[in-house]
N, C-alpha and C. Protein backbone atom coordinates (compact mmCIF):
# COMPACT_ATOMS: atom_id res chain seq x y z
N MET A 1 -0.89 14.21 1.94
CA MET A 1 -1.30 13.33 2.76
C MET A 1 -1.15 12.15 2.18
N SER A 2 -0.11 11.03 3.37
CA SER A 2 -0.12 9.44 2.69
C SER A 2 -1.33 8.91 2.42
N ILE A 3 -1.66 7.70 2.13
CA ILE A 3 -2.28 6.33 2.32
C ILE A 3 -1.31 5.13 2.55
N LYS A 4 -2.18 5.22 4.18
CA LYS A 4 -1.72 3.80 4.43
C LYS A 4 -2.00 2.53 3.85
N LEU A 5 -1.22 2.07 3.77
CA LEU A 5 -1.56 0.16 2.99
C LEU A 5 -1.06 -0.49 3.70
N ASP A 6 -1.57 -2.21 3.74
CA ASP A 6 -0.75 -2.83 4.38
C ASP A 6 -0.21 -3.64 4.10
N PRO A 7 1.02 -3.48 4.89
CA PRO A 7 2.64 -4.07 3.91
C PRO A 7 2.70 -5.30 2.90
N ARG A 8 1.54 -6.06 3.61
CA ARG A 8 1.87 -7.65 2.62
C ARG A 8 1.10 -6.91 1.31
N PHE A 9 1.03 -5.79 1.07
CA PHE A 9 0.42 -5.59 -0.46
C PHE A 9 1.98 -4.93 -1.09
N TYR A 10 3.24 -4.38 -0.82
CA TYR A 10 4.14 -4.15 -0.75
C TYR A 10 4.71 -4.63 -2.52
N ASP A 11 4.71 -5.98 -2.05
CA ASP A 11 5.86 -6.20 -3.24
C ASP A 11 4.63 -6.67 -4.55
N SER A 12 3.03 -6.32 -4.44
CA SER A 12 2.10 -6.24 -5.37
C SER A 12 2.31 -4.43 -5.67
N VAL A 13 2.59 -4.03 -4.66
CA VAL A 13 2.49 -2.66 -5.77
C VAL A 13 4.32 -2.19 -6.37
N MET A 14 4.94 -2.34 -5.79
CA MET A 14 6.45 -2.37 -6.10
C MET A 14 6.47 -3.36 -7.92
N SER A 15 5.45 -4.10 -7.62
CA SER A 15 5.59 -5.20 -9.35
C SER A 15 4.64 -4.95 -9.98
N GLU A 16 3.85 -3.37 -9.83
CA GLU A 16 2.77 -3.26 -10.35
C GLU A 16 1.51 -3.79 -10.85
N GLU A 17 1.28 -4.88 -9.98
CA GLU A 17 0.54 -5.43 -9.94
C GLU A 17 -1.05 -4.95 -9.40
N LYS A 18 -0.55 -3.92 -8.06
CA LYS A 18 -1.78 -3.69 -7.34
C LYS A 18 -1.07 -2.42 -8.21
N TRP A 19 -2.19 -1.45 -8.43
CA TRP A 19 -2.27 -0.12 -8.55
C TRP A 19 -2.83 1.11 -8.35
N SER A 20 -4.34 0.55 -7.26
CA SER A 20 -5.22 1.31 -6.79
C SER A 20 -5.61 0.27 -5.40
N THR A 21 -6.47 1.22 -4.79
CA THR A 21 -7.00 0.88 -3.57
C THR A 21 -8.01 1.23 -3.77
N VAL A 22 -9.02 0.34 -2.60
CA VAL A 22 -10.65 1.47 -2.14
C VAL A 22 -10.32 1.07 -1.11
N ARG A 23 -11.22 2.35 -0.49
CA ARG A 23 -11.57 2.83 0.73
C ARG A 23 -13.27 3.04 1.02
N GLN A 24 -13.54 2.45 1.65
CA GLN A 24 -14.86 2.65 2.49
C GLN A 24 -14.86 4.26 2.70
N GLY A 25 -16.30 4.69 2.00
CA GLY A 25 -16.67 5.51 2.29
C GLY A 25 -16.60 6.73 1.66
N ARG A 26 -16.42 8.20 1.11
CA ARG A 26 -16.94 8.87 0.59
C ARG A 26 -15.27 9.88 0.73
N LEU A 27 -14.03 9.79 0.42
CA LEU A 27 -13.06 10.22 1.04
C LEU A 27 -12.27 11.65 -0.75
N GLU A 28 -11.39 11.99 0.18
CA GLU A 28 -11.34 13.22 -1.01
C GLU A 28 -9.25 12.97 -1.21
N TYR A 29 -8.63 13.04 -1.98
CA TYR A 29 -7.66 12.70 -2.06
C TYR A 29 -7.02 13.81 -3.32
N ASP A 30 -5.68 14.23 -3.00
CA ASP A 30 -5.15 15.12 -4.04
C ASP A 30 -4.96 14.55 -5.41
N LEU A 31 -4.93 14.72 -6.30
CA LEU A 31 -4.57 14.44 -7.66
C LEU A 31 -2.81 14.34 -7.09
N GLY A 32 -2.27 13.97 -7.60
CA GLY A 32 -0.35 14.40 -8.17
C GLY A 32 0.23 13.25 -6.96
N PHE A 33 1.43 13.62 -6.70
CA PHE A 33 2.64 12.89 -5.98
C PHE A 33 2.45 13.11 -4.38
N THR A 34 2.10 11.55 -4.20
CA THR A 34 1.54 11.17 -2.98
C THR A 34 3.09 10.08 -2.14
N GLU A 35 2.70 9.61 -0.83
CA GLU A 35 3.84 8.91 -0.71
C GLU A 35 2.23 7.62 -0.08
N LEU A 36 2.70 6.08 -0.49
CA LEU A 36 1.80 5.27 0.00
C LEU A 36 2.44 4.85 1.01
N ASP A 37 1.86 4.74 2.27
CA ASP A 37 2.66 4.34 3.67
C ASP A 37 2.85 2.76 4.47
N PHE A 38 3.52 2.44 3.76
CA PHE A 38 3.81 0.74 4.33
C PHE A 38 4.02 0.46 5.21
N GLY A 39 4.08 1.30 6.56
CA GLY A 39 4.91 0.73 7.83
C GLY A 39 6.51 1.63 7.75
N ASP A 40 6.96 0.37 7.22
CA ASP A 40 8.23 0.83 7.22
C ASP A 40 9.09 1.18 6.10
N VAL A 41 8.48 0.84 5.66
CA VAL A 41 9.27 2.07 3.83
C VAL A 41 7.99 3.11 3.34
N LYS A 42 8.11 3.37 2.93
CA LYS A 42 7.17 4.47 1.73
C LYS A 42 7.96 4.19 0.55
N VAL A 43 6.89 4.83 -0.82
CA VAL A 43 6.56 4.71 -1.67
C VAL A 43 5.76 5.73 -2.32
N TRP A 44 6.80 6.38 -3.71
CA TRP A 44 6.31 7.68 -4.14
C TRP A 44 5.26 6.72 -5.34
N VAL A 45 3.99 7.77 -5.18
CA VAL A 45 2.99 7.28 -6.66
C VAL A 45 2.83 8.62 -7.00
N ASN A 46 2.56 8.70 -8.15
CA ASN A 46 1.22 9.53 -9.11
C ASN A 46 -0.15 9.43 -8.80
N VAL A 47 -0.65 9.72 -8.17
CA VAL A 47 -2.18 9.97 -7.91
C VAL A 47 -2.69 10.18 -8.89
N TRP A 48 -3.73 9.45 -10.38
CA TRP A 48 -3.93 10.43 -10.93
C TRP A 48 -5.78 9.79 -11.55
N ALA A 49 -6.40 9.23 -10.50
CA ALA A 49 -7.70 9.01 -10.28
C ALA A 49 -8.46 9.26 -9.42
N VAL A 50 -9.16 9.69 -8.60
CA VAL A 50 -9.80 9.21 -7.25
C VAL A 50 -11.25 8.99 -7.89
N VAL A 51 -12.05 8.17 -7.82
CA VAL A 51 -12.71 7.49 -8.13
C VAL A 51 -14.59 7.38 -7.33
N HIS A 52 -14.99 8.08 -6.91
CA HIS A 52 -16.23 7.61 -5.90
C HIS A 52 -17.48 6.96 -6.58
N ALA A 53 -17.74 6.06 -6.33
CA ALA A 53 -19.29 4.46 -6.34
C ALA A 53 -19.32 3.91 -5.74
N TYR A 54 -19.91 2.04 -5.61
CA TYR A 54 -20.85 1.64 -4.42
C TYR A 54 -20.14 0.92 -4.31
N VAL A 55 -20.25 -0.22 -3.74
CA VAL A 55 -19.51 -1.66 -3.50
C VAL A 55 -20.08 -2.38 -4.83
N HIS A 56 -21.34 -2.56 -4.95
CA HIS A 56 -21.80 -3.75 -5.94
C HIS A 56 -21.59 -2.95 -7.04
N ARG A 57 -20.87 -1.70 -7.88
CA ARG A 57 -20.29 -1.47 -8.82
C ARG A 57 -18.84 -2.19 -9.27
N LEU A 58 -18.07 -2.94 -8.09
CA LEU A 58 -17.07 -2.64 -8.60
C LEU A 58 -17.00 -4.34 -9.19
N CYS A 59 -15.64 -4.70 -10.21
CA CYS A 59 -15.89 -5.81 -10.67
C CYS A 59 -14.70 -6.27 -11.02
N ASP A 60 -14.54 -7.39 -11.70
CA ASP A 60 -13.39 -8.15 -11.72
C ASP A 60 -12.10 -7.32 -12.00
N GLU A 61 -12.72 -6.98 -13.26
CA GLU A 61 -11.49 -5.47 -13.91
C GLU A 61 -10.98 -4.76 -12.76
N GLY A 62 -11.67 -4.05 -12.46
CA GLY A 62 -10.88 -3.09 -10.26
C GLY A 62 -10.70 -4.33 -9.62
N ALA A 63 -11.24 -5.24 -9.57
CA ALA A 63 -10.11 -6.37 -8.49
C ALA A 63 -8.88 -6.14 -9.64
N GLU A 64 -8.66 -6.88 -10.30
CA GLU A 64 -7.11 -6.83 -11.15
C GLU A 64 -6.45 -5.39 -10.97
N ARG A 65 -7.11 -4.33 -11.23
CA ARG A 65 -6.39 -3.48 -10.67
C ARG A 65 -5.83 -3.08 -9.16
N ASP A 66 -6.60 -3.72 -8.18
CA ASP A 66 -6.21 -3.48 -7.13
C ASP A 66 -5.14 -4.46 -5.97
N GLY A 67 -4.54 -5.60 -7.25
CA GLY A 67 -4.31 -6.51 -7.92
C GLY A 67 -4.65 -8.09 -6.81
N PHE A 68 -6.07 -8.44 -6.76
CA PHE A 68 -6.63 -9.54 -7.29
C PHE A 68 -7.50 -9.86 -8.10
N ASN A 69 -7.29 -11.23 -7.57
CA ASN A 69 -7.07 -12.23 -9.61
C ASN A 69 -9.17 -12.13 -9.07
N SER A 70 -10.08 -11.47 -8.51
CA SER A 70 -11.85 -11.48 -8.65
C SER A 70 -12.40 -10.64 -7.83
N LYS A 71 -13.40 -10.17 -8.29
CA LYS A 71 -14.25 -9.44 -7.36
C LYS A 71 -14.61 -9.74 -6.15
N SER A 72 -14.41 -11.07 -6.31
CA SER A 72 -14.80 -11.59 -4.79
C SER A 72 -13.79 -11.72 -3.49
N GLU A 73 -12.80 -12.17 -3.86
CA GLU A 73 -11.31 -11.28 -3.62
C GLU A 73 -11.31 -10.82 -3.02
N LEU A 74 -11.70 -9.30 -3.85
CA LEU A 74 -11.05 -8.59 -2.81
C LEU A 74 -12.46 -7.95 -2.17
N LEU A 75 -13.42 -8.34 -2.40
CA LEU A 75 -14.55 -8.38 -1.72
C LEU A 75 -14.53 -8.90 -0.54
N ALA A 76 -13.77 -10.01 -0.52
CA ALA A 76 -13.34 -10.71 1.08
C ALA A 76 -12.05 -9.86 2.15
N VAL A 77 -11.24 -9.77 1.26
CA VAL A 77 -10.16 -8.73 2.18
C VAL A 77 -10.84 -7.69 2.07
N LEU A 78 -11.90 -6.48 2.05
CA LEU A 78 -12.93 -5.04 2.37
C LEU A 78 -12.96 -5.49 3.59
N LYS A 79 -13.59 -6.67 3.12
CA LYS A 79 -14.60 -7.11 4.59
C LYS A 79 -14.22 -7.68 5.88
N LYS A 80 -12.63 -7.60 5.98
CA LYS A 80 -11.63 -8.07 7.04
C LYS A 80 -11.31 -6.49 7.47
N HIS A 81 -10.87 -5.75 6.65
CA HIS A 81 -10.84 -4.07 6.78
C HIS A 81 -11.90 -3.49 7.16
N TYR A 82 -12.92 -4.03 6.40
CA TYR A 82 -14.41 -3.27 7.28
C TYR A 82 -15.06 -4.19 7.51
N PRO A 83 -15.61 -4.27 8.35
CA PRO A 83 -16.54 -5.70 8.95
C PRO A 83 -17.84 -5.18 8.51
N ASP A 84 -18.30 -3.84 8.82
CA ASP A 84 -19.41 -3.25 8.26
C ASP A 84 -19.94 -2.81 6.87
N LEU A 85 -18.93 -3.51 6.00
CA LEU A 85 -19.18 -2.79 4.75
C LEU A 85 -20.47 -3.60 4.00
N ASP A 86 -21.31 -3.01 3.61
CA ASP A 86 -22.51 -2.83 2.95
C ASP A 86 -22.57 -3.00 1.37
N ILE A 87 -22.90 -3.65 0.68
CA ILE A 87 -22.79 -3.67 -0.76
C ILE A 87 -23.65 -2.63 -1.27
N ASN A 88 -24.19 -1.48 -1.14
CA ASN A 88 -24.87 -0.29 -1.22
C ASN A 88 -23.75 1.01 -0.41
N ASP A 89 -22.83 0.32 0.51
CA ASP A 89 -21.86 1.61 0.46
C ASP A 89 -21.14 2.25 -0.77
N GLU A 90 -20.74 3.57 -0.18
CA GLU A 90 -20.19 4.36 -1.13
C GLU A 90 -18.59 4.30 -0.83
N ILE A 91 -17.81 3.61 -1.86
CA ILE A 91 -16.46 3.47 -1.89
C ILE A 91 -15.56 4.51 -2.51
N THR A 92 -13.97 4.83 -2.13
CA THR A 92 -13.26 5.81 -2.92
C THR A 92 -12.32 4.78 -3.57
N ILE A 93 -11.81 4.84 -5.06
CA ILE A 93 -11.22 4.41 -5.13
C ILE A 93 -9.76 5.06 -6.24
N VAL A 94 -8.62 4.94 -5.50
CA VAL A 94 -7.59 6.02 -6.17
C VAL A 94 -6.86 4.96 -6.91
N LYS A 95 -6.47 5.47 -7.86
CA LYS A 95 -5.88 5.00 -8.86
C LYS A 95 -4.57 5.92 -8.79
N TRP A 96 -3.26 5.27 -9.56
CA TRP A 96 -1.78 5.90 -9.26
C TRP A 96 -0.72 5.14 -10.52
N ASP A 97 0.20 5.96 -10.88
CA ASP A 97 1.10 5.16 -11.27
C ASP A 97 2.47 4.97 -9.98
N LEU A 98 2.84 4.39 -10.07
CA LEU A 98 4.61 4.09 -8.92
C LEU A 98 5.66 4.57 -10.07
N ILE A 99 5.88 5.41 -8.91
CA ILE A 99 6.99 5.95 -8.96
C ILE A 99 8.63 5.40 -8.55
N GLY A 100 8.17 5.22 -7.16
CA GLY A 100 9.51 4.30 -6.80
C GLY A 100 9.44 4.20 -4.88
N LYS A 101 11.00 3.91 -5.04
CA LYS A 101 10.99 3.66 -3.12
C LYS A 101 11.18 5.04 -2.72
N VAL A 102 10.51 5.37 -1.35
CA VAL A 102 11.08 7.24 -0.71
C VAL A 102 12.22 6.96 -0.64
N GLU A 103 13.73 6.90 -0.51
CA GLU A 103 14.71 7.14 -0.01
C GLU A 103 15.07 7.73 0.64
N ASP A 104 15.55 7.39 2.43
CA ASP A 104 15.99 8.19 3.02
C ASP A 104 17.36 9.80 2.89
N ASP A 105 16.47 10.66 3.14
CA ASP A 105 17.06 11.96 2.99
C ASP A 105 19.02 11.55 3.22
N VAL A 106 19.52 11.62 2.49
CA VAL A 106 20.96 12.00 2.63
C VAL A 106 21.70 13.24 3.34
N ASN A 107 20.95 13.96 3.44
CA ASN A 107 21.49 15.60 4.08
C ASN A 107 20.86 15.52 5.57
N ALA A 108 19.85 14.85 5.68
CA ALA A 108 19.83 14.46 7.25
C ALA A 108 20.47 14.50 8.47
């Protein structure tokens, strides 16, 4: 199962400024190798943690893992993706280590 990400986050993932993502709801992701899908390009990551929490438990440290400067900046972006997001909603946080860009299969 790949994880879709907005293409504007590609550079921060590749520079390893962003190594997690927050999703609305209680979602299940497998640990291990998976693709981050930016549309035109895909990146291999090793998912090492899937954490279920609540929006009100987000903190500045978690926002920085997600490539943002603060919790308030992260919340502003989350509200754009999830307009009905509430402070008491459950969220899923996926954390990974970057492996590298998915290259085209040379044998195809």
